[in-house]
């Protein structure tokens, strides 16, 4: 695999993100180069503490995480079913 190529997408969960933020290791996601980590907009809203939101915003701004909006009806139905 060439440098910078991400072969798999991981849709993140608020619990995982918050835990990584709390221990100061959100940067660990960059150490897994084969994966692209996306954060659905509803997950961003689940992170409520201001300090944690700032760290998450920094991770999104830096490209460590990619924001994702789930708005298509089929996607929302699948999300509801899996939840």
PDB file of N, CA and C in Angstrom:
ATOM      1  N   UNK A   1       0.857  -1.177   0.000  1.00  0.00           N
ATOM      2  CA  UNK A   1       0.000   0.000   0.000  1.00  0.00           C
ATOM      3  C   UNK A   1       0.897   1.231   0.000  1.00  0.00           C
ATOM      4  N   UNK A   2       0.588   2.192  -0.866  1.00  0.00           N
ATOM      5  CA  UNK A   2       1.408   3.402  -0.942  1.00  0.00           C
ATOM      6  C   UNK A   2       1.078   4.356   0.194  1.00  0.00           C
ATOM      7  N   UNK A   3       2.021   5.226   0.514  1.00  0.00           N
ATOM      8  CA  UNK A   3       1.855   6.177   1.612  1.00  0.00           C
ATOM      9  C   UNK A   3       0.644   7.062   1.387  1.00  0.00           C
ATOM     10  N   UNK A   4      -0.122   7.263   2.445  1.00  0.00           N
ATOM     11  CA  UNK A   4      -1.266   8.155   2.378  1.00  0.00           C
ATOM     12  C   UNK A   4      -2.553   7.508   1.874  1.00  0.00           C
ATOM     13  N   UNK A   5      -2.480   6.255   1.402  1.00  0.00           N
ATOM     14  CA  UNK A   5      -3.667   5.589   0.886  1.00  0.00           C
ATOM     15  C   UNK A   5      -4.372   4.892   2.043  1.00  0.00           C
ATOM     16  N   UNK A   6      -5.652   5.173   2.188  1.00  0.00           N
ATOM     17  CA  UNK A   6      -6.457   4.561   3.243  1.00  0.00           C
ATOM     18  C   UNK A   6      -7.373   3.528   2.598  1.00  0.00           C
ATOM     19  N   UNK A   7      -7.300   2.284   3.054  1.00  0.00           N
ATOM     20  CA  UNK A   7      -8.052   1.225   2.402  1.00  0.00           C
ATOM     21  C   UNK A   7      -9.387   0.915   3.065  1.00  0.00           C
ATOM     22  N   UNK A   8      -9.573   1.304   4.316  1.00  0.00           N
ATOM     23  CA  UNK A   8     -10.808   1.002   5.034  1.00  0.00           C
ATOM     24  C   UNK A   8     -11.312   2.238   5.765  1.00  0.00           C
ATOM     25  N   UNK A   9     -12.626   2.324   5.874  1.00  0.00           N
ATOM     26  CA  UNK A   9     -13.254   3.444   6.573  1.00  0.00           C
ATOM     27  C   UNK A   9     -13.820   2.925   7.890  1.00  0.00           C
ATOM     28  N   UNK A  10     -13.551   3.662   8.955  1.00  0.00           N
ATOM     29  CA  UNK A  10     -14.088   3.336  10.271  1.00  0.00           C
ATOM     30  C   UNK A  10     -14.994   4.481  10.691  1.00  0.00           C
ATOM     31  N   UNK A  11     -16.255   4.173  10.938  1.00  0.00           N
ATOM     32  CA  UNK A  11     -17.201   5.174  11.423  1.00  0.00           C
ATOM     33  C   UNK A  11     -17.092   5.169  12.939  1.00  0.00           C
ATOM     34  N   UNK A  12     -16.697   6.294  13.486  1.00  0.00           N
ATOM     35  CA  UNK A  12     -16.413   6.361  14.917  1.00  0.00           C
ATOM     36  C   UNK A  12     -17.665   6.548  15.762  1.00  0.00           C
ATOM     37  N   UNK A  13     -17.511   6.219  17.004  1.00  0.00           N
ATOM     38  CA  UNK A  13     -18.553   6.284  18.006  1.00  0.00           C
ATOM     39  C   UNK A  13     -18.113   7.307  19.059  1.00  0.00           C
ATOM     40  N   UNK A  14     -19.053   8.004  19.656  1.00  0.00           N
ATOM     41  CA  UNK A  14     -18.721   9.030  20.649  1.00  0.00           C
ATOM     42  C   UNK A  14     -17.946   8.446  21.823  1.00  0.00           C
ATOM     43  N   UNK A  15     -18.312   7.255  22.270  1.00  0.00           N
ATOM     44  CA  UNK A  15     -17.641   6.650  23.415  1.00  0.00           C
ATOM     45  C   UNK A  15     -16.156   6.457  23.148  1.00  0.00           C
ATOM     46  N   UNK A  16     -15.811   5.945  21.994  1.00  0.00           N
ATOM     47  CA  UNK A  16     -14.409   5.728  21.641  1.00  0.00           C
ATOM     48  C   UNK A  16     -13.668   7.065  21.553  1.00  0.00           C
ATOM     49  N   UNK A  17     -14.274   8.036  20.877  1.00  0.00           N
ATOM     50  CA  UNK A  17     -13.631   9.343  20.745  1.00  0.00           C
ATOM     51  C   UNK A  17     -13.409  10.000  22.101  1.00  0.00           C
ATOM     52  N   UNK A  18     -14.423   9.984  22.944  1.00  0.00           N
ATOM     53  CA  UNK A  18     -14.306  10.606  24.265  1.00  0.00           C
ATOM     54  C   UNK A  18     -13.222   9.917  25.082  1.00  0.00           C
ATOM     55  N   UNK A  19     -13.181   8.592  25.045  1.00  0.00           N
ATOM     56  CA  UNK A  19     -12.147   7.874  25.799  1.00  0.00           C
ATOM     57  C   UNK A  19     -10.751   8.245  25.314  1.00  0.00           C
ATOM     58  N   UNK A  20     -10.552   8.325  24.009  1.00  0.00           N
ATOM     59  CA  UNK A  20      -9.250   8.715  23.473  1.00  0.00           C
ATOM     60  C   UNK A  20      -8.905  10.151  23.855  1.00  0.00           C
ATOM     61  N   UNK A  21      -9.902  11.029  23.838  1.00  0.00           N
ATOM     62  CA  UNK A  21      -9.679  12.429  24.225  1.00  0.00           C
ATOM     63  C   UNK A  21      -9.303  12.513  25.701  1.00  0.00           C
ATOM     64  N   UNK A  22     -10.015  11.774  26.556  1.00  0.00           N
ATOM     65  CA  UNK A  22      -9.769  11.816  28.003  1.00  0.00           C
ATOM     66  C   UNK A  22      -8.341  11.384  28.339  1.00  0.00           C
ATOM     67  N   UNK A  23      -7.840  10.366  27.649  1.00  0.00           N
ATOM     68  CA  UNK A  23      -6.477   9.902  27.939  1.00  0.00           C
ATOM     69  C   UNK A  23      -5.431  10.643  27.102  1.00  0.00           C
ATOM     70  N   UNK A  24      -5.879  11.640  26.332  1.00  0.00           N
ATOM     71  CA  UNK A  24      -4.958  12.454  25.550  1.00  0.00           C
ATOM     72  C   UNK A  24      -4.311  11.720  24.392  1.00  0.00           C
ATOM     73  N   UNK A  25      -5.034  10.781  23.774  1.00  0.00           N
ATOM     74  CA  UNK A  25      -4.442   9.973  22.716  1.00  0.00           C
ATOM     75  C   UNK A  25      -5.287   9.906  21.443  1.00  0.00           C
ATOM     76  N   UNK A  26      -6.031  10.941  21.152  1.00  0.00           N
ATOM     77  CA  UNK A  26      -6.768  10.972  19.889  1.00  0.00           C
ATOM     78  C   UNK A  26      -5.798  10.842  18.714  1.00  0.00           C
ATOM     79  N   UNK A  27      -4.569  11.296  18.936  1.00  0.00           N
ATOM     80  CA  UNK A  27      -3.537  11.213  17.905  1.00  0.00           C
ATOM     81  C   UNK A  27      -3.200   9.779  17.496  1.00  0.00           C
ATOM     82  N   UNK A  28      -3.563   8.796  18.318  1.00  0.00           N
ATOM     83  CA  UNK A  28      -3.296   7.394  17.995  1.00  0.00           C
ATOM     84  C   UNK A  28      -3.945   6.978  16.680  1.00  0.00           C
ATOM     85  N   UNK A  29      -5.024   7.652  16.309  1.00  0.00           N
ATOM     86  CA  UNK A  29      -5.715   7.298  15.068  1.00  0.00           C
ATOM     87  C   UNK A  29      -4.804   7.484  13.858  1.00  0.00           C
ATOM     88  N   UNK A  30      -3.880   8.431  13.940  1.00  0.00           N
ATOM     89  CA  UNK A  30      -2.944   8.661  12.840  1.00  0.00           C
ATOM     90  C   UNK A  30      -1.942   7.520  12.708  1.00  0.00           C
ATOM     91  N   UNK A  31      -1.788   6.723  13.762  1.00  0.00           N
ATOM     92  CA  UNK A  31      -0.846   5.615  13.755  1.00  0.00           C
ATOM     93  C   UNK A  31      -1.413   4.362  13.085  1.00  0.00           C
ATOM     94  N   UNK A  32      -2.629   4.460  12.595  1.00  0.00           N
ATOM     95  CA  UNK A  32      -3.269   3.342  11.907  1.00  0.00           C
ATOM     96  C   UNK A  32      -3.506   3.792  10.460  1.00  0.00           C
ATOM     97  N   UNK A  33      -2.439   3.777   9.655  1.00  0.00           N
ATOM     98  CA  UNK A  33      -2.508   4.401   8.326  1.00  0.00           C
ATOM     99  C   UNK A  33      -3.436   3.729   7.320  1.00  0.00           C
ATOM    100  N   UNK A  34      -3.813   2.493   7.543  1.00  0.00           N
ATOM    101  CA  UNK A  34      -4.677   1.809   6.576  1.00  0.00           C
ATOM    102  C   UNK A  34      -6.149   2.206   6.726  1.00  0.00           C
ATOM    103  N   UNK A  35      -6.471   2.995   7.741  1.00  0.00           N
ATOM    104  CA  UNK A  35      -7.860   3.334   8.021  1.00  0.00           C
ATOM    105  C   UNK A  35      -8.109   4.834   7.958  1.00  0.00           C
ATOM    106  N   UNK A  36      -9.292   5.175   7.470  1.00  0.00           N
ATOM    107  CA  UNK A  36      -9.775   6.559   7.502  1.00  0.00           C
ATOM    108  C   UNK A  36     -10.888   6.593   8.543  1.00  0.00           C
ATOM    109  N   UNK A  37     -10.785   7.507   9.483  1.00  0.00           N
ATOM    110  CA  UNK A  37     -11.750   7.600  10.568  1.00  0.00           C
ATOM    111  C   UNK A  37     -12.714   8.743  10.286  1.00  0.00           C
ATOM    112  N   UNK A  38     -14.003   8.411  10.209  1.00  0.00           N
ATOM    113  CA  UNK A  38     -15.033   9.418   9.948  1.00  0.00           C
ATOM    114  C   UNK A  38     -15.910   9.575  11.190  1.00  0.00           C
ATOM    115  N   UNK A  39     -16.416  10.792  11.355  1.00  0.00           N
ATOM    116  CA  UNK A  39     -17.249  11.113  12.513  1.00  0.00           C
ATOM    117  C   UNK A  39     -18.588  11.646  12.010  1.00  0.00           C
ATOM    118  N   UNK A  40     -19.661  10.876  12.180  1.00  0.00           N
ATOM    119  CA  UNK A  40     -20.979  11.386  11.793  1.00  0.00           C
ATOM    120  C   UNK A  40     -21.349  12.622  12.607  1.00  0.00           C
ATOM    121  N   UNK A  41     -22.123  13.502  12.005  1.00  0.00           N
ATOM    122  CA  UNK A  41     -22.488  14.748  12.679  1.00  0.00           C
ATOM    123  C   UNK A  41     -23.207  14.519  14.002  1.00  0.00           C
ATOM    124  N   UNK A  42     -24.012  13.469  14.090  1.00  0.00           N
ATOM    125  CA  UNK A  42     -24.713  13.219  15.359  1.00  0.00           C
ATOM    126  C   UNK A  42     -23.739  12.781  16.455  1.00  0.00           C
ATOM    127  N   UNK A  43     -22.621  12.170  16.079  1.00  0.00           N
ATOM    128  CA  UNK A  43     -21.596  11.793  17.057  1.00  0.00           C
ATOM    129  C   UNK A  43     -20.894  13.043  17.587  1.00  0.00           C
ATOM    130  N   UNK A  44     -20.615  13.985  16.703  1.00  0.00           N
ATOM    131  CA  UNK A  44     -20.012  15.252  17.133  1.00  0.00           C
ATOM    132  C   UNK A  44     -20.894  15.900  18.201  1.00  0.00           C
ATOM    133  N   UNK A  45     -22.202  15.860  18.001  1.00  0.00           N
ATOM    134  CA  UNK A  45     -23.135  16.477  18.956  1.00  0.00           C
ATOM    135  C   UNK A  45     -23.168  15.751  20.295  1.00  0.00           C
ATOM    136  N   UNK A  46     -22.777  14.480  20.326  1.00  0.00           N
ATOM    137  CA  UNK A  46     -22.758  13.718  21.578  1.00  0.00           C
ATOM    138  C   UNK A  46     -21.591  14.109  22.477  1.00  0.00           C
ATOM    139  N   UNK A  47     -20.577  14.728  21.900  1.00  0.00           N
ATOM    140  CA  UNK A  47     -19.430  15.188  22.681  1.00  0.00           C
ATOM    141  C   UNK A  47     -19.806  16.571  23.215  1.00  0.00           C
ATOM    142  N   UNK A  48     -20.107  16.648  24.494  1.00  0.00           N
ATOM    143  CA  UNK A  48     -20.710  17.871  25.040  1.00  0.00           C
ATOM    144  C   UNK A  48     -19.783  18.728  25.884  1.00  0.00           C
ATOM    145  N   UNK A  49     -18.771  18.147  26.487  1.00  0.00           N
ATOM    146  CA  UNK A  49     -17.875  18.945  27.330  1.00  0.00           C
ATOM    147  C   UNK A  49     -17.034  19.854  26.438  1.00  0.00           C
ATOM    148  N   UNK A  50     -16.997  21.149  26.777  1.00  0.00           N
ATOM    149  CA  UNK A  50     -16.282  22.116  25.928  1.00  0.00           C
ATOM    150  C   UNK A  50     -14.832  21.738  25.625  1.00  0.00           C
ATOM    151  N   UNK A  51     -14.092  21.281  26.617  1.00  0.00           N
ATOM    152  CA  UNK A  51     -12.688  20.925  26.390  1.00  0.00           C
ATOM    153  C   UNK A  51     -12.577  19.753  25.412  1.00  0.00           C
ATOM    154  N   UNK A  52     -13.473  18.787  25.548  1.00  0.00           N
ATOM    155  CA  UNK A  52     -13.466  17.629  24.648  1.00  0.00           C
ATOM    156  C   UNK A  52     -13.897  18.041  23.243  1.00  0.00           C
ATOM    157  N   UNK A  53     -14.855  18.946  23.150  1.00  0.00           N
ATOM    158  CA  UNK A  53     -15.297  19.441  21.840  1.00  0.00           C
ATOM    159  C   UNK A  53     -14.162  20.161  21.118  1.00  0.00           C
ATOM    160  N   UNK A  54     -13.345  20.904  21.876  1.00  0.00           N
ATOM    161  CA  UNK A  54     -12.206  21.605  21.267  1.00  0.00           C
ATOM    162  C   UNK A  54     -11.197  20.614  20.692  1.00  0.00           C
ATOM    163  N   UNK A  55     -10.911  19.551  21.439  1.00  0.00           N
ATOM    164  CA  UNK A  55      -9.969  18.531  20.949  1.00  0.00           C
ATOM    165  C   UNK A  55     -10.540  17.850  19.705  1.00  0.00           C
ATOM    166  N   UNK A  56     -11.811  17.531  19.741  1.00  0.00           N
ATOM    167  CA  UNK A  56     -12.453  16.898  18.585  1.00  0.00           C
ATOM    168  C   UNK A  56     -12.422  17.840  17.385  1.00  0.00           C
ATOM    169  N   UNK A  57     -12.727  19.102  17.606  1.00  0.00           N
ATOM    170  CA  UNK A  57     -12.700  20.083  16.509  1.00  0.00           C
ATOM    171  C   UNK A  57     -11.306  20.187  15.900  1.00  0.00           C
ATOM    172  N   UNK A  58     -10.295  20.134  16.753  1.00  0.00           N
ATOM    173  CA  UNK A  58      -8.913  20.177  16.265  1.00  0.00           C
ATOM    174  C   UNK A  58      -8.600  18.939  15.423  1.00  0.00           C
ATOM    175  N   UNK A  59      -9.067  17.772  15.868  1.00  0.00           N
ATOM    176  CA  UNK A  59      -8.862  16.542  15.109  1.00  0.00           C
ATOM    177  C   UNK A  59      -9.562  16.583  13.755  1.00  0.00           C
ATOM    178  N   UNK A  60     -10.736  17.182  13.716  1.00  0.00           N
ATOM    179  CA  UNK A  60     -11.471  17.324  12.450  1.00  0.00           C
ATOM    180  C   UNK A  60     -10.776  18.327  11.539  1.00  0.00           C
ATOM    181  N   UNK A  61     -10.337  19.451  12.105  1.00  0.00           N
ATOM    182  CA  UNK A  61      -9.684  20.498  11.309  1.00  0.00           C
ATOM    183  C   UNK A  61      -8.354  20.032  10.730  1.00  0.00           C
ATOM    184  N   UNK A  62      -7.657  19.171  11.474  1.00  0.00           N
ATOM    185  CA  UNK A  62      -6.343  18.703  11.026  1.00  0.00           C
ATOM    186  C   UNK A  62      -6.427  17.585   9.990  1.00  0.00           C
ATOM    187  N   UNK A  63      -7.620  17.012   9.827  1.00  0.00           N
ATOM    188  CA  UNK A  63      -7.770  15.904   8.889  1.00  0.00           C
ATOM    189  C   UNK A  63      -7.549  14.538   9.530  1.00  0.00           C
ATOM    190  N   UNK A  64      -7.267  14.522  10.822  1.00  0.00           N
ATOM    191  CA  UNK A  64      -7.128  13.254  11.536  1.00  0.00           C
ATOM    192  C   UNK A  64      -8.437  12.477  11.458  1.00  0.00           C
ATOM    193  N   UNK A  65      -9.532  13.204  11.549  1.00  0.00           N
ATOM    194  CA  UNK A  65     -10.882  12.654  11.437  1.00  0.00           C
ATOM    195  C   UNK A  65     -11.598  13.391  10.321  1.00  0.00           C
ATOM    196  N   UNK A  66     -12.499  12.686   9.645  1.00  0.00           N
ATOM    197  CA  UNK A  66     -13.271  13.327   8.575  1.00  0.00           C
ATOM    198  C   UNK A  66     -14.730  13.414   9.010  1.00  0.00           C
ATOM    199  N   UNK A  67     -15.316  14.609   8.956  1.00  0.00           N
ATOM    200  CA  UNK A  67     -16.736  14.731   9.303  1.00  0.00           C
ATOM    201  C   UNK A  67     -17.602  14.073   8.241  1.00  0.00           C
ATOM    202  N   UNK A  68     -18.744  13.575   8.668  1.00  0.00           N
ATOM    203  CA  UNK A  68     -19.667  12.919   7.744  1.00  0.00           C
ATOM    204  C   UNK A  68     -21.096  13.252   8.169  1.00  0.00           C
ATOM    205  N   UNK A  69     -21.898  13.608   7.208  1.00  0.00           N
ATOM    206  CA  UNK A  69     -23.303  13.885   7.478  1.00  0.00           C
ATOM    207  C   UNK A  69     -24.137  12.711   6.994  1.00  0.00           C
ATOM    208  N   UNK A  70     -24.991  12.221   7.867  1.00  0.00           N
ATOM    209  CA  UNK A  70     -25.894  11.133   7.490  1.00  0.00           C
ATOM    210  C   UNK A  70     -27.271  11.748   7.303  1.00  0.00           C
ATOM    211  N   UNK A  71     -27.679  11.865   6.030  1.00  0.00           N
ATOM    212  CA  UNK A  71     -28.960  12.515   5.771  1.00  0.00           C
ATOM    213  C   UNK A  71     -29.842  11.739   4.794  1.00  0.00           C
ATOM    214  N   UNK A  72     -29.279  10.808   4.041  1.00  0.00           N
ATOM    215  CA  UNK A  72     -30.080  10.027   3.094  1.00  0.00           C
ATOM    216  C   UNK A  72     -31.022   9.115   3.877  1.00  0.00           C
ATOM    217  N   UNK A  73     -32.227   8.981   3.425  1.00  0.00           N
ATOM    218  CA  UNK A  73     -33.234   8.180   4.115  1.00  0.00           C
ATOM    219  C   UNK A  73     -32.762   6.759   4.363  1.00  0.00           C
ATOM    220  N   UNK A  74     -32.179   6.123   3.361  1.00  0.00           N
ATOM    221  CA  UNK A  74     -31.715   4.742   3.528  1.00  0.00           C
ATOM    222  C   UNK A  74     -30.626   4.660   4.603  1.00  0.00           C
ATOM    223  N   UNK A  75     -29.739   5.644   4.634  1.00  0.00           N
ATOM    224  CA  UNK A  75     -28.675   5.663   5.640  1.00  0.00           C
ATOM    225  C   UNK A  75     -29.256   5.836   7.042  1.00  0.00           C
ATOM    226  N   UNK A  76     -30.238   6.719   7.154  1.00  0.00           N
ATOM    227  CA  UNK A  76     -30.874   6.948   8.449  1.00  0.00           C
ATOM    228  C   UNK A  76     -31.627   5.702   8.930  1.00  0.00           C
ATOM    229  N   UNK A  77     -32.282   5.010   8.004  1.00  0.00           N
ATOM    230  CA  UNK A  77     -32.991   3.777   8.356  1.00  0.00           C
ATOM    231  C   UNK A  77     -32.010   2.707   8.822  1.00  0.00           C
ATOM    232  N   UNK A  78     -30.879   2.580   8.114  1.00  0.00           N
ATOM    233  CA  UNK A  78     -29.866   1.618   8.506  1.00  0.00           C
ATOM    234  C   UNK A  78     -29.286   1.975   9.874  1.00  0.00           C
ATOM    235  N   UNK A  79     -29.000   3.246  10.084  1.00  0.00           N
ATOM    236  CA  UNK A  79     -28.482   3.698  11.368  1.00  0.00           C
ATOM    237  C   UNK A  79     -29.463   3.346  12.488  1.00  0.00           C
ATOM    238  N   UNK A  80     -30.743   3.612  12.286  1.00  0.00           N
ATOM    239  CA  UNK A  80     -31.759   3.317  13.302  1.00  0.00           C
ATOM    240  C   UNK A  80     -31.837   1.825  13.584  1.00  0.00           C
ATOM    241  N   UNK A  81     -31.754   1.019  12.544  1.00  0.00           N
ATOM    242  CA  UNK A  81     -31.822  -0.428  12.701  1.00  0.00           C
ATOM    243  C   UNK A  81     -30.606  -0.955  13.466  1.00  0.00           C
ATOM    244  N   UNK A  82     -29.435  -0.412  13.178  1.00  0.00           N
ATOM    245  CA  UNK A  82     -28.219  -0.880  13.839  1.00  0.00           C
ATOM    246  C   UNK A  82     -28.088  -0.367  15.266  1.00  0.00           C
ATOM    247  N   UNK A  83     -28.706   0.749  15.521  1.00  0.00           N
ATOM    248  CA  UNK A  83     -28.625   1.345  16.855  1.00  0.00           C
ATOM    249  C   UNK A  83     -29.448   0.540  17.819  1.00  0.00           C
TER     250      UNK A  83
END
